[in-house]
């Protein structure tokens, strides 16, 4: 990533290319420093789209808990 090319268009290009880490990092910087509300809204959209899904966190935690239960109940 070019250090001088920190525009919302670059963040959107990263997002479309599937480079979500770069898109999120750049959108976070833009959301803090942008002067126009349009850029802040576009950056917020990228941040929301690349954020962690709460349902996935819950599913991961439940699955892990079930796995631990099964291990302690039937293996140990």
N, C-alpha and C. Protein backbone atom coordinates (compact mmCIF):
# COMPACT_ATOMS: atom_id res chain seq x y z
N UNK A 1 0.84 -1.17 0.00
CA UNK A 1 0.00 0.00 0.00
C UNK A 1 0.89 1.24 0.00
N UNK A 2 0.63 2.13 -0.90
CA UNK A 2 1.37 3.37 -0.99
C UNK A 2 0.96 4.29 0.15
N UNK A 3 1.92 4.79 0.90
CA UNK A 3 1.64 5.63 2.06
C UNK A 3 0.94 6.93 1.68
N UNK A 4 1.17 7.44 0.47
CA UNK A 4 0.59 8.71 0.06
C UNK A 4 -0.83 8.54 -0.49
N UNK A 5 -1.23 7.34 -0.81
CA UNK A 5 -2.52 7.10 -1.43
C UNK A 5 -3.51 6.64 -0.36
N UNK A 6 -3.94 7.56 0.49
CA UNK A 6 -4.85 7.22 1.58
C UNK A 6 -6.18 7.92 1.38
N UNK A 7 -6.89 7.53 0.35
CA UNK A 7 -8.19 8.11 0.04
C UNK A 7 -9.26 7.06 0.23
N UNK A 8 -10.48 7.52 0.30
CA UNK A 8 -11.60 6.59 0.45
C UNK A 8 -11.73 5.70 -0.78
N UNK A 9 -11.36 6.24 -1.94
CA UNK A 9 -11.41 5.42 -3.16
C UNK A 9 -10.44 4.26 -3.07
N UNK A 10 -9.29 4.48 -2.47
CA UNK A 10 -8.31 3.41 -2.29
C UNK A 10 -8.87 2.35 -1.34
N UNK A 11 -9.49 2.80 -0.26
CA UNK A 11 -10.09 1.85 0.68
C UNK A 11 -11.17 1.03 -0.01
N UNK A 12 -11.99 1.68 -0.83
CA UNK A 12 -13.02 0.96 -1.56
C UNK A 12 -12.44 -0.01 -2.58
N UNK A 13 -11.33 0.38 -3.19
CA UNK A 13 -10.66 -0.51 -4.14
C UNK A 13 -10.12 -1.74 -3.41
N UNK A 14 -9.53 -1.54 -2.24
CA UNK A 14 -9.07 -2.68 -1.43
C UNK A 14 -10.24 -3.59 -1.08
N UNK A 15 -11.35 -2.99 -0.69
CA UNK A 15 -12.52 -3.78 -0.30
C UNK A 15 -13.03 -4.61 -1.48
N UNK A 16 -13.15 -4.01 -2.65
CA UNK A 16 -13.62 -4.74 -3.83
C UNK A 16 -12.65 -5.84 -4.24
N UNK A 17 -11.36 -5.64 -3.97
CA UNK A 17 -10.35 -6.64 -4.32
C UNK A 17 -10.25 -7.74 -3.28
N UNK A 18 -10.99 -7.62 -2.18
CA UNK A 18 -10.94 -8.65 -1.15
C UNK A 18 -9.83 -8.47 -0.15
N UNK A 19 -9.18 -7.33 -0.16
CA UNK A 19 -8.11 -7.05 0.80
C UNK A 19 -8.73 -6.32 2.00
N UNK A 20 -9.48 -7.08 2.79
CA UNK A 20 -10.28 -6.50 3.85
C UNK A 20 -9.46 -5.89 4.97
N UNK A 21 -8.32 -6.45 5.27
CA UNK A 21 -7.45 -5.88 6.30
C UNK A 21 -6.97 -4.49 5.92
N UNK A 22 -6.49 -4.35 4.69
CA UNK A 22 -6.04 -3.04 4.22
C UNK A 22 -7.21 -2.06 4.14
N UNK A 23 -8.36 -2.53 3.66
CA UNK A 23 -9.53 -1.66 3.55
C UNK A 23 -9.96 -1.17 4.92
N UNK A 24 -9.98 -2.07 5.89
CA UNK A 24 -10.40 -1.69 7.25
C UNK A 24 -9.42 -0.72 7.89
N UNK A 25 -8.14 -0.99 7.72
CA UNK A 25 -7.10 -0.12 8.31
C UNK A 25 -7.20 1.29 7.73
N UNK A 26 -7.32 1.38 6.43
CA UNK A 26 -7.40 2.68 5.78
C UNK A 26 -8.72 3.38 6.10
N UNK A 27 -9.82 2.65 6.12
CA UNK A 27 -11.12 3.25 6.45
C UNK A 27 -11.13 3.79 7.87
N UNK A 28 -10.46 3.11 8.79
CA UNK A 28 -10.38 3.60 10.17
C UNK A 28 -9.64 4.93 10.23
N UNK A 29 -8.55 5.04 9.47
CA UNK A 29 -7.81 6.30 9.42
C UNK A 29 -8.65 7.41 8.80
N UNK A 30 -9.35 7.09 7.74
CA UNK A 30 -10.17 8.08 7.04
C UNK A 30 -11.33 8.54 7.92
N UNK A 31 -11.95 7.61 8.64
CA UNK A 31 -13.07 7.96 9.51
C UNK A 31 -12.65 8.95 10.59
N UNK A 32 -11.42 8.84 11.05
CA UNK A 32 -10.93 9.76 12.08
C UNK A 32 -10.56 11.12 11.52
N UNK A 33 -10.04 11.16 10.30
CA UNK A 33 -9.46 12.40 9.80
C UNK A 33 -10.23 13.06 8.66
N UNK A 34 -11.28 12.44 8.16
CA UNK A 34 -12.00 13.00 7.00
C UNK A 34 -12.75 14.26 7.40
N UNK A 35 -12.79 15.20 6.47
CA UNK A 35 -13.50 16.45 6.73
C UNK A 35 -14.94 16.40 6.23
N UNK A 36 -15.21 15.64 5.19
CA UNK A 36 -16.58 15.59 4.66
C UNK A 36 -17.36 14.42 5.26
N UNK A 37 -18.65 14.64 5.42
CA UNK A 37 -19.49 13.58 5.97
C UNK A 37 -19.65 12.42 4.99
N UNK A 38 -19.56 12.71 3.68
CA UNK A 38 -19.64 11.64 2.69
C UNK A 38 -18.50 10.65 2.87
N UNK A 39 -17.28 11.16 3.03
CA UNK A 39 -16.13 10.26 3.23
C UNK A 39 -16.27 9.50 4.53
N UNK A 40 -16.73 10.17 5.59
CA UNK A 40 -16.92 9.47 6.87
C UNK A 40 -17.97 8.38 6.76
N UNK A 41 -19.06 8.65 6.04
CA UNK A 41 -20.11 7.64 5.85
C UNK A 41 -19.60 6.45 5.03
N UNK A 42 -18.83 6.73 3.98
CA UNK A 42 -18.28 5.65 3.17
C UNK A 42 -17.28 4.81 3.97
N UNK A 43 -16.47 5.48 4.79
CA UNK A 43 -15.52 4.76 5.64
C UNK A 43 -16.27 3.93 6.68
N UNK A 44 -17.34 4.49 7.25
CA UNK A 44 -18.13 3.74 8.23
C UNK A 44 -18.77 2.51 7.59
N UNK A 45 -19.19 2.63 6.34
CA UNK A 45 -19.77 1.49 5.64
C UNK A 45 -18.74 0.37 5.49
N UNK A 46 -17.52 0.72 5.12
CA UNK A 46 -16.45 -0.29 4.99
C UNK A 46 -16.16 -0.93 6.34
N UNK A 47 -16.10 -0.10 7.39
CA UNK A 47 -15.82 -0.64 8.72
C UNK A 47 -16.93 -1.59 9.17
N UNK A 48 -18.17 -1.23 8.88
CA UNK A 48 -19.28 -2.10 9.25
C UNK A 48 -19.26 -3.40 8.45
N UNK A 49 -18.95 -3.31 7.17
CA UNK A 49 -18.95 -4.49 6.31
C UNK A 49 -17.80 -5.45 6.63
N UNK A 50 -16.71 -4.94 7.17
CA UNK A 50 -15.56 -5.79 7.45
C UNK A 50 -15.41 -6.11 8.94
N UNK A 51 -16.37 -5.69 9.74
CA UNK A 51 -16.30 -5.94 11.18
C UNK A 51 -16.61 -7.39 11.52
N UNK A 52 -16.42 -7.72 12.77
CA UNK A 52 -16.68 -9.07 13.26
C UNK A 52 -18.19 -9.23 13.46
N UNK A 53 -18.72 -10.32 12.95
CA UNK A 53 -20.14 -10.60 13.07
C UNK A 53 -20.42 -11.16 14.47
N UNK A 54 -21.28 -10.51 15.25
CA UNK A 54 -21.55 -11.00 16.61
C UNK A 54 -22.14 -12.41 16.62
N UNK A 55 -22.92 -12.76 15.61
CA UNK A 55 -23.48 -14.12 15.56
C UNK A 55 -22.37 -15.16 15.40
N UNK A 56 -21.33 -14.82 14.65
CA UNK A 56 -20.21 -15.75 14.48
C UNK A 56 -19.47 -15.94 15.80
N UNK A 57 -19.34 -14.88 16.58
CA UNK A 57 -18.67 -14.97 17.88
C UNK A 57 -19.47 -15.88 18.81
N UNK A 58 -20.77 -15.69 18.84
CA UNK A 58 -21.63 -16.53 19.69
C UNK A 58 -21.57 -17.99 19.24
N UNK A 59 -21.64 -18.23 17.94
CA UNK A 59 -21.58 -19.60 17.43
C UNK A 59 -20.25 -20.25 17.77
N UNK A 60 -19.17 -19.50 17.65
CA UNK A 60 -17.84 -20.02 17.99
C UNK A 60 -17.76 -20.37 19.48
N UNK A 61 -18.29 -19.50 20.33
CA UNK A 61 -18.24 -19.73 21.78
C UNK A 61 -19.10 -20.95 22.16
N UNK A 62 -20.28 -21.07 21.58
CA UNK A 62 -21.15 -22.21 21.88
C UNK A 62 -20.51 -23.51 21.41
N UNK A 63 -19.93 -23.49 20.23
CA UNK A 63 -19.27 -24.68 19.70
C UNK A 63 -18.08 -25.08 20.58
N UNK A 64 -17.30 -24.09 21.00
CA UNK A 64 -16.18 -24.39 21.88
C UNK A 64 -16.64 -24.96 23.21
N UNK A 65 -17.70 -24.39 23.76
CA UNK A 65 -18.24 -24.91 25.02
C UNK A 65 -18.74 -26.33 24.88
N UNK A 66 -19.44 -26.61 23.79
CA UNK A 66 -19.92 -27.96 23.55
C UNK A 66 -18.76 -28.94 23.39
N UNK A 67 -17.73 -28.52 22.69
CA UNK A 67 -16.56 -29.38 22.51
C UNK A 67 -15.90 -29.68 23.85
N UNK A 68 -15.74 -28.67 24.69
CA UNK A 68 -15.16 -28.89 26.02
C UNK A 68 -16.03 -29.82 26.85
N UNK A 69 -17.33 -29.63 26.82
CA UNK A 69 -18.23 -30.51 27.54
C UNK A 69 -18.06 -31.96 27.10
N UNK A 70 -18.05 -32.17 25.77
CA UNK A 70 -17.92 -33.53 25.26
C UNK A 70 -16.59 -34.16 25.64
N UNK A 71 -15.53 -33.38 25.62
CA UNK A 71 -14.21 -33.90 25.99
C UNK A 71 -14.19 -34.31 27.46
N UNK A 72 -14.69 -33.42 28.33
CA UNK A 72 -14.66 -33.74 29.76
C UNK A 72 -15.65 -34.85 30.12
N UNK A 73 -16.73 -34.96 29.41
CA UNK A 73 -17.74 -35.96 29.70
C UNK A 73 -17.36 -37.34 29.20
N UNK A 74 -16.80 -37.43 27.98
CA UNK A 74 -16.58 -38.73 27.36
C UNK A 74 -15.13 -39.11 27.15
N UNK A 75 -14.20 -38.18 27.28
CA UNK A 75 -12.80 -38.54 27.02
C UNK A 75 -12.02 -38.61 28.32
N UNK A 76 -12.17 -37.65 29.17
CA UNK A 76 -11.36 -37.63 30.40
C UNK A 76 -12.02 -38.36 31.54
